[in-house]
N, C-alpha and C. Protein backbone atom coordinates (compact mmCIF):
# COMPACT_ATOMS: atom_id res chain seq x y z
N MET A 1 -5.23 -6.17 -5.92
CA MET A 1 -4.42 -4.97 -5.77
C MET A 1 -3.20 -5.30 -4.91
N PRO A 2 -2.01 -4.85 -5.33
CA PRO A 2 -0.81 -5.17 -4.56
C PRO A 2 -0.87 -4.60 -3.15
N ARG A 3 -0.55 -5.42 -2.17
CA ARG A 3 -0.55 -4.99 -0.78
C ARG A 3 0.64 -4.08 -0.49
N ARG A 4 1.60 -4.03 -1.37
CA ARG A 4 2.81 -3.24 -1.12
C ARG A 4 2.60 -1.74 -1.30
N LEU A 5 1.45 -1.30 -1.75
CA LEU A 5 1.18 0.12 -1.96
C LEU A 5 0.28 0.64 -0.85
N LEU A 6 0.68 1.77 -0.24
CA LEU A 6 -0.11 2.39 0.81
C LEU A 6 -0.01 3.90 0.68
N CYS A 7 -1.16 4.57 0.66
CA CYS A 7 -1.20 6.03 0.56
C CYS A 7 -1.32 6.67 1.94
N LEU A 8 -0.67 7.81 2.11
CA LEU A 8 -0.95 8.72 3.20
C LEU A 8 -1.76 9.83 2.56
N SER A 9 -3.03 9.93 2.88
CA SER A 9 -3.87 10.93 2.23
C SER A 9 -4.44 11.87 3.27
N GLY A 10 -4.97 12.98 2.79
CA GLY A 10 -5.55 13.99 3.66
C GLY A 10 -5.36 15.34 3.05
N PRO A 11 -5.98 16.36 3.65
CA PRO A 11 -5.89 17.70 3.09
C PRO A 11 -4.48 18.29 3.22
N SER A 12 -4.22 19.30 2.41
CA SER A 12 -2.94 20.01 2.48
C SER A 12 -2.77 20.59 3.87
N GLY A 13 -1.57 20.45 4.42
CA GLY A 13 -1.28 20.99 5.74
C GLY A 13 -1.65 20.07 6.89
N ALA A 14 -2.14 18.86 6.59
CA ALA A 14 -2.56 17.93 7.65
C ALA A 14 -1.39 17.27 8.36
N GLY A 15 -0.20 17.33 7.76
CA GLY A 15 0.97 16.70 8.37
C GLY A 15 1.38 15.40 7.71
N LYS A 16 0.96 15.19 6.47
CA LYS A 16 1.27 13.93 5.78
C LYS A 16 2.78 13.72 5.62
N THR A 17 3.50 14.75 5.21
CA THR A 17 4.94 14.60 4.97
C THR A 17 5.69 14.31 6.27
N THR A 18 5.37 15.04 7.32
CA THR A 18 6.02 14.81 8.61
C THR A 18 5.72 13.41 9.11
N LEU A 19 4.45 13.01 9.05
CA LEU A 19 4.06 11.67 9.48
C LEU A 19 4.77 10.63 8.61
N GLY A 20 4.80 10.86 7.31
CA GLY A 20 5.44 9.92 6.39
C GLY A 20 6.91 9.73 6.69
N GLU A 21 7.60 10.83 6.93
CA GLU A 21 9.03 10.77 7.24
C GLU A 21 9.27 9.92 8.50
N LEU A 22 8.49 10.19 9.53
CA LEU A 22 8.64 9.44 10.78
C LEU A 22 8.22 7.98 10.63
N LEU A 23 7.19 7.75 9.83
CA LEU A 23 6.74 6.38 9.60
C LEU A 23 7.80 5.59 8.82
N VAL A 24 8.41 6.21 7.82
CA VAL A 24 9.49 5.54 7.08
C VAL A 24 10.61 5.15 8.05
N GLU A 25 11.03 6.08 8.91
CA GLU A 25 12.09 5.78 9.88
C GLU A 25 11.69 4.60 10.77
N ALA A 26 10.45 4.59 11.25
CA ALA A 26 9.98 3.51 12.14
C ALA A 26 9.92 2.17 11.40
N LEU A 27 9.50 2.19 10.15
CA LEU A 27 9.44 0.95 9.37
C LEU A 27 10.83 0.43 9.04
N VAL A 28 11.75 1.33 8.74
CA VAL A 28 13.14 0.93 8.46
C VAL A 28 13.77 0.32 9.70
N ARG A 29 13.48 0.89 10.88
CA ARG A 29 13.99 0.30 12.13
C ARG A 29 13.47 -1.12 12.32
N ARG A 30 12.31 -1.43 11.75
CA ARG A 30 11.73 -2.77 11.83
C ARG A 30 12.29 -3.70 10.75
N GLY A 31 13.22 -3.19 9.95
CA GLY A 31 13.85 -4.01 8.93
C GLY A 31 13.16 -4.00 7.57
N LEU A 32 12.17 -3.13 7.38
CA LEU A 32 11.48 -3.04 6.10
C LEU A 32 12.16 -2.02 5.20
N SER A 33 12.11 -2.27 3.90
CA SER A 33 12.60 -1.28 2.93
C SER A 33 11.39 -0.56 2.35
N VAL A 34 11.53 0.76 2.19
CA VAL A 34 10.41 1.61 1.79
C VAL A 34 10.84 2.55 0.67
N ALA A 35 10.00 2.66 -0.35
CA ALA A 35 10.15 3.69 -1.38
C ALA A 35 8.99 4.67 -1.20
N VAL A 36 9.19 5.91 -1.57
CA VAL A 36 8.15 6.94 -1.41
C VAL A 36 7.90 7.63 -2.74
N VAL A 37 6.63 7.82 -3.05
CA VAL A 37 6.22 8.61 -4.21
C VAL A 37 5.33 9.72 -3.68
N LYS A 38 5.74 10.96 -3.88
CA LYS A 38 4.97 12.12 -3.42
C LYS A 38 4.22 12.71 -4.60
N HIS A 39 2.92 12.83 -4.45
CA HIS A 39 2.08 13.39 -5.51
C HIS A 39 2.03 14.91 -5.37
N THR A 40 2.05 15.60 -6.47
CA THR A 40 1.92 17.05 -6.46
C THR A 40 1.04 17.47 -7.63
N HIS A 41 0.38 18.60 -7.45
CA HIS A 41 -0.42 19.16 -8.54
C HIS A 41 0.38 20.23 -9.28
N HIS A 42 1.60 20.49 -8.85
CA HIS A 42 2.43 21.53 -9.45
C HIS A 42 3.32 20.91 -10.54
N PRO A 43 3.65 21.71 -11.56
CA PRO A 43 4.57 21.20 -12.59
C PRO A 43 5.91 20.82 -11.96
N LEU A 44 6.48 19.74 -12.46
CA LEU A 44 7.76 19.29 -11.94
C LEU A 44 8.90 20.04 -12.61
N PRO A 45 9.92 20.42 -11.85
CA PRO A 45 11.07 21.10 -12.44
C PRO A 45 11.72 20.21 -13.51
N GLY A 46 12.06 20.79 -14.62
CA GLY A 46 12.73 20.04 -15.67
C GLY A 46 11.79 19.26 -16.56
N ASP A 47 10.48 19.43 -16.39
CA ASP A 47 9.54 18.68 -17.23
C ASP A 47 8.66 19.64 -18.01
N THR A 48 9.21 20.75 -18.44
CA THR A 48 8.46 21.70 -19.26
C THR A 48 8.52 21.26 -20.71
N ALA A 49 7.66 21.82 -21.52
CA ALA A 49 7.62 21.46 -22.95
C ALA A 49 8.95 21.73 -23.63
N GLU A 50 9.71 22.72 -23.12
CA GLU A 50 10.99 23.07 -23.73
C GLU A 50 12.14 22.19 -23.25
N SER A 51 11.97 21.48 -22.14
CA SER A 51 13.04 20.65 -21.61
C SER A 51 13.18 19.38 -22.43
N ASP A 52 14.31 18.73 -22.31
CA ASP A 52 14.51 17.47 -23.02
C ASP A 52 13.51 16.42 -22.57
N THR A 53 13.26 16.36 -21.24
CA THR A 53 12.29 15.37 -20.76
C THR A 53 10.90 15.69 -21.30
N GLY A 54 10.53 16.94 -21.33
CA GLY A 54 9.25 17.35 -21.87
C GLY A 54 9.12 17.03 -23.35
N ARG A 55 10.19 17.19 -24.08
CA ARG A 55 10.17 16.89 -25.52
C ARG A 55 9.97 15.40 -25.75
N TYR A 56 10.66 14.56 -24.96
CA TYR A 56 10.47 13.12 -25.09
C TYR A 56 9.04 12.72 -24.73
N ALA A 57 8.51 13.31 -23.66
CA ALA A 57 7.14 13.02 -23.26
C ALA A 57 6.16 13.43 -24.35
N ALA A 58 6.37 14.61 -24.94
CA ALA A 58 5.50 15.07 -26.02
C ALA A 58 5.60 14.16 -27.24
N ALA A 59 6.73 13.51 -27.41
CA ALA A 59 6.90 12.58 -28.53
C ALA A 59 6.17 11.27 -28.30
N GLY A 60 5.68 11.04 -27.07
CA GLY A 60 4.91 9.85 -26.79
C GLY A 60 5.56 8.84 -25.87
N ALA A 61 6.72 9.17 -25.28
CA ALA A 61 7.37 8.23 -24.37
C ALA A 61 6.48 7.99 -23.15
N ALA A 62 6.33 6.73 -22.75
CA ALA A 62 5.53 6.39 -21.57
C ALA A 62 6.24 6.80 -20.29
N ALA A 63 7.58 6.82 -20.32
CA ALA A 63 8.38 7.21 -19.17
C ALA A 63 9.68 7.82 -19.66
N VAL A 64 10.15 8.82 -18.94
CA VAL A 64 11.43 9.46 -19.24
C VAL A 64 12.17 9.61 -17.92
N ALA A 65 13.43 9.22 -17.90
CA ALA A 65 14.24 9.37 -16.69
C ALA A 65 15.34 10.36 -16.95
N LEU A 66 15.63 11.18 -15.96
CA LEU A 66 16.71 12.15 -16.03
C LEU A 66 17.71 11.77 -14.94
N ALA A 67 18.92 11.42 -15.33
CA ALA A 67 19.94 10.99 -14.37
C ALA A 67 21.06 12.02 -14.34
N GLY A 68 21.59 12.25 -13.15
CA GLY A 68 22.68 13.20 -13.00
C GLY A 68 23.32 13.03 -11.64
N PRO A 69 24.23 13.94 -11.30
CA PRO A 69 24.94 13.84 -10.03
C PRO A 69 24.01 13.84 -8.81
N GLY A 70 22.82 14.43 -8.92
CA GLY A 70 21.89 14.49 -7.80
C GLY A 70 20.98 13.29 -7.70
N GLY A 71 21.09 12.34 -8.61
CA GLY A 71 20.24 11.16 -8.56
C GLY A 71 19.48 10.96 -9.85
N LEU A 72 18.37 10.30 -9.76
CA LEU A 72 17.54 9.93 -10.90
C LEU A 72 16.14 10.46 -10.67
N ARG A 73 15.60 11.16 -11.65
CA ARG A 73 14.23 11.65 -11.59
C ARG A 73 13.48 10.98 -12.72
N LEU A 74 12.34 10.37 -12.39
CA LEU A 74 11.56 9.63 -13.36
C LEU A 74 10.27 10.37 -13.64
N PHE A 75 9.95 10.54 -14.90
CA PHE A 75 8.70 11.17 -15.32
C PHE A 75 7.87 10.10 -16.02
N LEU A 76 6.65 9.87 -15.53
CA LEU A 76 5.74 8.90 -16.15
C LEU A 76 4.64 9.65 -16.87
N ALA A 77 4.18 9.10 -17.97
CA ALA A 77 3.06 9.71 -18.68
C ALA A 77 1.82 9.64 -17.79
N GLY A 78 1.08 10.71 -17.72
CA GLY A 78 -0.12 10.76 -16.90
C GLY A 78 0.20 11.13 -15.47
N GLU A 79 -0.80 11.61 -14.76
CA GLU A 79 -0.58 12.08 -13.39
C GLU A 79 -0.64 10.97 -12.36
N ASP A 80 -1.47 9.96 -12.60
CA ASP A 80 -1.65 8.89 -11.64
C ASP A 80 -1.21 7.55 -12.22
N PRO A 81 0.03 7.14 -11.95
CA PRO A 81 0.47 5.85 -12.47
C PRO A 81 -0.33 4.71 -11.85
N SER A 82 -0.47 3.65 -12.60
CA SER A 82 -1.26 2.51 -12.14
C SER A 82 -0.51 1.78 -11.02
N PRO A 83 -1.25 1.02 -10.20
CA PRO A 83 -0.61 0.22 -9.16
C PRO A 83 0.44 -0.73 -9.72
N ALA A 84 0.18 -1.31 -10.88
CA ALA A 84 1.15 -2.23 -11.48
C ALA A 84 2.44 -1.51 -11.82
N VAL A 85 2.33 -0.29 -12.36
CA VAL A 85 3.53 0.48 -12.70
C VAL A 85 4.29 0.84 -11.42
N LEU A 86 3.58 1.30 -10.40
CA LEU A 86 4.24 1.69 -9.15
C LEU A 86 4.93 0.50 -8.50
N SER A 87 4.26 -0.65 -8.47
CA SER A 87 4.90 -1.84 -7.89
C SER A 87 6.11 -2.26 -8.71
N GLY A 88 6.00 -2.17 -10.03
CA GLY A 88 7.09 -2.55 -10.91
C GLY A 88 8.29 -1.65 -10.83
N LEU A 89 8.09 -0.39 -10.48
CA LEU A 89 9.21 0.54 -10.37
C LEU A 89 10.13 0.21 -9.20
N PHE A 90 9.56 -0.38 -8.17
CA PHE A 90 10.30 -0.64 -6.95
C PHE A 90 10.15 -2.11 -6.54
N PRO A 91 10.62 -3.04 -7.36
CA PRO A 91 10.36 -4.46 -7.07
C PRO A 91 11.07 -4.98 -5.83
N ALA A 92 12.13 -4.33 -5.39
CA ALA A 92 12.91 -4.88 -4.28
C ALA A 92 12.52 -4.29 -2.93
N VAL A 93 11.50 -3.44 -2.86
CA VAL A 93 11.13 -2.85 -1.57
C VAL A 93 9.91 -3.55 -0.99
N ASP A 94 9.78 -3.46 0.31
CA ASP A 94 8.65 -4.07 1.00
C ASP A 94 7.38 -3.22 0.86
N LEU A 95 7.55 -1.89 0.81
CA LEU A 95 6.40 -0.98 0.79
C LEU A 95 6.70 0.20 -0.11
N VAL A 96 5.72 0.55 -0.95
CA VAL A 96 5.76 1.81 -1.69
C VAL A 96 4.75 2.71 -1.00
N LEU A 97 5.24 3.75 -0.32
CA LEU A 97 4.38 4.68 0.40
C LEU A 97 4.12 5.87 -0.51
N LEU A 98 2.86 6.14 -0.78
CA LEU A 98 2.48 7.24 -1.65
C LEU A 98 1.88 8.34 -0.82
N GLU A 99 2.37 9.54 -0.99
CA GLU A 99 1.77 10.68 -0.30
C GLU A 99 0.81 11.35 -1.25
N GLY A 100 -0.46 11.38 -0.88
CA GLY A 100 -1.48 11.95 -1.74
C GLY A 100 -2.36 10.85 -2.31
N TYR A 101 -2.81 11.05 -3.53
CA TYR A 101 -3.66 10.08 -4.22
C TYR A 101 -4.94 9.78 -3.44
N LYS A 102 -5.49 10.80 -2.77
CA LYS A 102 -6.66 10.56 -1.93
C LYS A 102 -7.89 10.14 -2.74
N GLY A 103 -7.93 10.44 -4.02
CA GLY A 103 -9.05 10.05 -4.85
C GLY A 103 -8.94 8.64 -5.40
N SER A 104 -7.82 7.98 -5.15
CA SER A 104 -7.63 6.63 -5.68
C SER A 104 -8.35 5.61 -4.81
N ASP A 105 -8.45 4.39 -5.33
CA ASP A 105 -9.03 3.32 -4.52
C ASP A 105 -7.94 2.49 -3.84
N LEU A 106 -6.70 3.00 -3.86
CA LEU A 106 -5.60 2.32 -3.18
C LEU A 106 -5.81 2.35 -1.67
N PRO A 107 -5.24 1.40 -0.94
CA PRO A 107 -5.33 1.43 0.53
C PRO A 107 -4.68 2.71 1.05
N LYS A 108 -5.29 3.29 2.07
CA LYS A 108 -4.75 4.55 2.57
C LYS A 108 -4.93 4.73 4.07
N VAL A 109 -3.96 5.45 4.62
CA VAL A 109 -4.05 5.95 5.99
C VAL A 109 -4.43 7.41 5.84
N GLU A 110 -5.58 7.78 6.37
CA GLU A 110 -6.09 9.14 6.26
C GLU A 110 -5.52 9.98 7.40
N VAL A 111 -4.84 11.08 7.06
CA VAL A 111 -4.24 11.97 8.05
C VAL A 111 -5.18 13.17 8.20
N LEU A 112 -5.68 13.35 9.43
CA LEU A 112 -6.68 14.39 9.69
C LEU A 112 -6.08 15.54 10.48
N PRO A 113 -6.25 16.78 10.01
CA PRO A 113 -5.79 17.92 10.80
C PRO A 113 -6.68 18.11 12.03
N ARG A 114 -6.16 18.84 13.00
CA ARG A 114 -6.91 19.10 14.24
C ARG A 114 -8.27 19.70 13.90
N GLY A 115 -9.31 19.18 14.53
CA GLY A 115 -10.66 19.69 14.35
C GLY A 115 -11.36 19.18 13.10
N SER A 116 -10.70 18.30 12.38
CA SER A 116 -11.28 17.77 11.15
C SER A 116 -12.31 16.69 11.46
N PRO A 117 -13.39 16.64 10.69
CA PRO A 117 -14.36 15.57 10.91
C PRO A 117 -13.80 14.22 10.47
N ALA A 118 -14.43 13.17 10.91
CA ALA A 118 -14.02 11.82 10.51
C ALA A 118 -14.13 11.70 8.99
N PRO A 119 -13.33 10.83 8.40
CA PRO A 119 -13.39 10.69 6.95
C PRO A 119 -14.74 10.14 6.50
N ASP A 120 -15.12 10.49 5.31
CA ASP A 120 -16.35 10.01 4.71
C ASP A 120 -16.28 8.48 4.60
N PRO A 121 -17.23 7.77 5.18
CA PRO A 121 -17.17 6.31 5.14
C PRO A 121 -17.31 5.75 3.72
N GLU A 122 -17.75 6.57 2.78
CA GLU A 122 -17.88 6.13 1.39
C GLU A 122 -16.54 6.19 0.64
N ARG A 123 -15.54 6.89 1.21
CA ARG A 123 -14.23 6.98 0.55
C ARG A 123 -13.62 5.59 0.47
N GLN A 124 -13.10 5.27 -0.66
CA GLN A 124 -12.54 3.95 -0.91
C GLN A 124 -11.16 3.80 -0.29
N GLY A 125 -10.89 2.65 0.29
CA GLY A 125 -9.55 2.24 0.65
C GLY A 125 -9.02 2.63 2.01
N ILE A 126 -9.74 3.37 2.82
CA ILE A 126 -9.20 3.79 4.11
C ILE A 126 -9.06 2.57 5.02
N ILE A 127 -7.82 2.36 5.51
CA ILE A 127 -7.59 1.24 6.43
C ILE A 127 -7.29 1.73 7.85
N ALA A 128 -6.98 3.04 8.00
CA ALA A 128 -6.70 3.60 9.32
C ALA A 128 -6.75 5.11 9.22
N VAL A 129 -6.87 5.78 10.37
CA VAL A 129 -6.84 7.23 10.42
C VAL A 129 -5.83 7.68 11.48
N VAL A 130 -5.24 8.85 11.22
CA VAL A 130 -4.29 9.45 12.16
C VAL A 130 -4.72 10.90 12.39
N GLY A 131 -4.83 11.29 13.66
CA GLY A 131 -5.20 12.66 13.99
C GLY A 131 -5.05 12.92 15.47
N GLU A 132 -5.02 14.20 15.81
CA GLU A 132 -4.83 14.62 17.21
C GLU A 132 -5.96 14.15 18.12
N ALA A 133 -7.18 14.32 17.69
CA ALA A 133 -8.32 13.99 18.55
C ALA A 133 -9.26 13.04 17.83
N VAL A 134 -8.70 12.00 17.26
CA VAL A 134 -9.51 11.07 16.49
C VAL A 134 -10.35 10.21 17.44
N THR A 135 -11.63 10.21 17.20
CA THR A 135 -12.55 9.35 17.95
C THR A 135 -13.27 8.46 16.94
N GLU A 136 -12.52 7.90 16.08
CA GLU A 136 -13.04 7.10 14.98
C GLU A 136 -13.23 5.66 15.44
N ASP A 137 -14.38 5.09 15.13
CA ASP A 137 -14.59 3.70 15.52
C ASP A 137 -14.75 2.77 14.31
N ARG A 138 -14.78 3.31 13.11
CA ARG A 138 -14.89 2.46 11.92
C ARG A 138 -13.54 1.97 11.44
N PHE A 139 -12.47 2.68 11.79
CA PHE A 139 -11.12 2.34 11.35
C PHE A 139 -10.19 2.35 12.56
N PRO A 140 -9.09 1.59 12.50
CA PRO A 140 -8.07 1.76 13.54
C PRO A 140 -7.62 3.22 13.56
N ALA A 141 -7.49 3.79 14.75
CA ALA A 141 -7.15 5.21 14.88
C ALA A 141 -5.86 5.37 15.68
N PHE A 142 -5.04 6.34 15.26
CA PHE A 142 -3.74 6.60 15.87
C PHE A 142 -3.56 8.09 16.05
N ARG A 143 -2.92 8.49 17.13
CA ARG A 143 -2.48 9.88 17.29
C ARG A 143 -1.16 10.01 16.54
N PRO A 144 -0.79 11.22 16.12
CA PRO A 144 0.47 11.39 15.38
C PRO A 144 1.70 10.96 16.17
N ASP A 145 1.63 10.97 17.51
CA ASP A 145 2.80 10.57 18.30
C ASP A 145 2.85 9.06 18.54
N GLU A 146 1.93 8.31 17.98
CA GLU A 146 1.92 6.85 18.15
C GLU A 146 2.57 6.16 16.94
N LEU A 147 3.76 6.61 16.60
CA LEU A 147 4.44 6.12 15.41
C LEU A 147 4.78 4.65 15.48
N GLU A 148 5.27 4.18 16.61
CA GLU A 148 5.62 2.76 16.72
C GLU A 148 4.37 1.89 16.61
N ARG A 149 3.28 2.33 17.19
CA ARG A 149 2.03 1.59 17.09
C ARG A 149 1.53 1.58 15.65
N LEU A 150 1.61 2.73 14.97
CA LEU A 150 1.21 2.82 13.57
C LEU A 150 2.12 1.95 12.69
N ALA A 151 3.43 1.99 12.95
CA ALA A 151 4.37 1.17 12.18
C ALA A 151 4.06 -0.31 12.37
N GLY A 152 3.69 -0.71 13.58
CA GLY A 152 3.32 -2.09 13.84
C GLY A 152 2.06 -2.48 13.07
N PHE A 153 1.10 -1.57 13.03
CA PHE A 153 -0.12 -1.81 12.27
C PHE A 153 0.20 -1.98 10.79
N VAL A 154 1.03 -1.09 10.24
CA VAL A 154 1.39 -1.17 8.81
C VAL A 154 2.15 -2.46 8.53
N ALA A 155 3.09 -2.82 9.39
CA ALA A 155 3.86 -4.05 9.19
C ALA A 155 2.93 -5.28 9.21
N THR A 156 1.99 -5.30 10.13
CA THR A 156 1.02 -6.40 10.19
C THR A 156 0.14 -6.42 8.95
N TRP A 157 -0.29 -5.23 8.53
CA TRP A 157 -1.10 -5.13 7.31
C TRP A 157 -0.32 -5.64 6.10
N LEU A 158 0.95 -5.27 6.02
CA LEU A 158 1.79 -5.75 4.91
C LEU A 158 1.92 -7.27 4.91
N ALA A 159 2.00 -7.83 6.10
CA ALA A 159 2.15 -9.28 6.22
C ALA A 159 0.85 -10.01 5.85
N GLY A 160 -0.24 -9.26 5.77
CA GLY A 160 -1.50 -9.85 5.33
C GLY A 160 -2.42 -10.32 6.40
N SER A 161 -2.06 -10.10 7.67
CA SER A 161 -2.92 -10.58 8.74
C SER A 161 -3.78 -9.48 9.33
N GLY A 162 -3.64 -8.25 8.87
CA GLY A 162 -4.46 -7.16 9.39
C GLY A 162 -5.04 -6.36 8.26
N GLU A 163 -6.28 -6.56 7.95
CA GLU A 163 -6.92 -5.83 6.84
C GLU A 163 -7.42 -4.50 7.33
């Protein structure tokens, strides 16, 4: 499995987006390039059956991109793209950070809301946890305000010396 993929997973409202934003800033300060893929269960704007992108997808296209003045939006067939597809989409970055995908077996940092129990040890791929009062001893644990420490852990993990 490519080491360049890392999920921020956890329940809705746990602070994944805020943590992710700050983690991206901290990793960029360390000289790393980062791409982000945010998972949602909601329909994407412009990808309805009546839209051009929706029509191409219904015709069987594996991927459809919509380009315009606001940037490029990519639609992939299926809800969960494979690790190979995700790595291939961003070949020039050091890390593809995925928000969500908690059911995947991809490596993940579990973000726990206040008062949340420790993650299920049977969950696949957890390499660290982040939470206000984490007393976790099975995984490296970080408070949300320990961004530089978390960024160091991720950078070391990316380099392959910290599993």
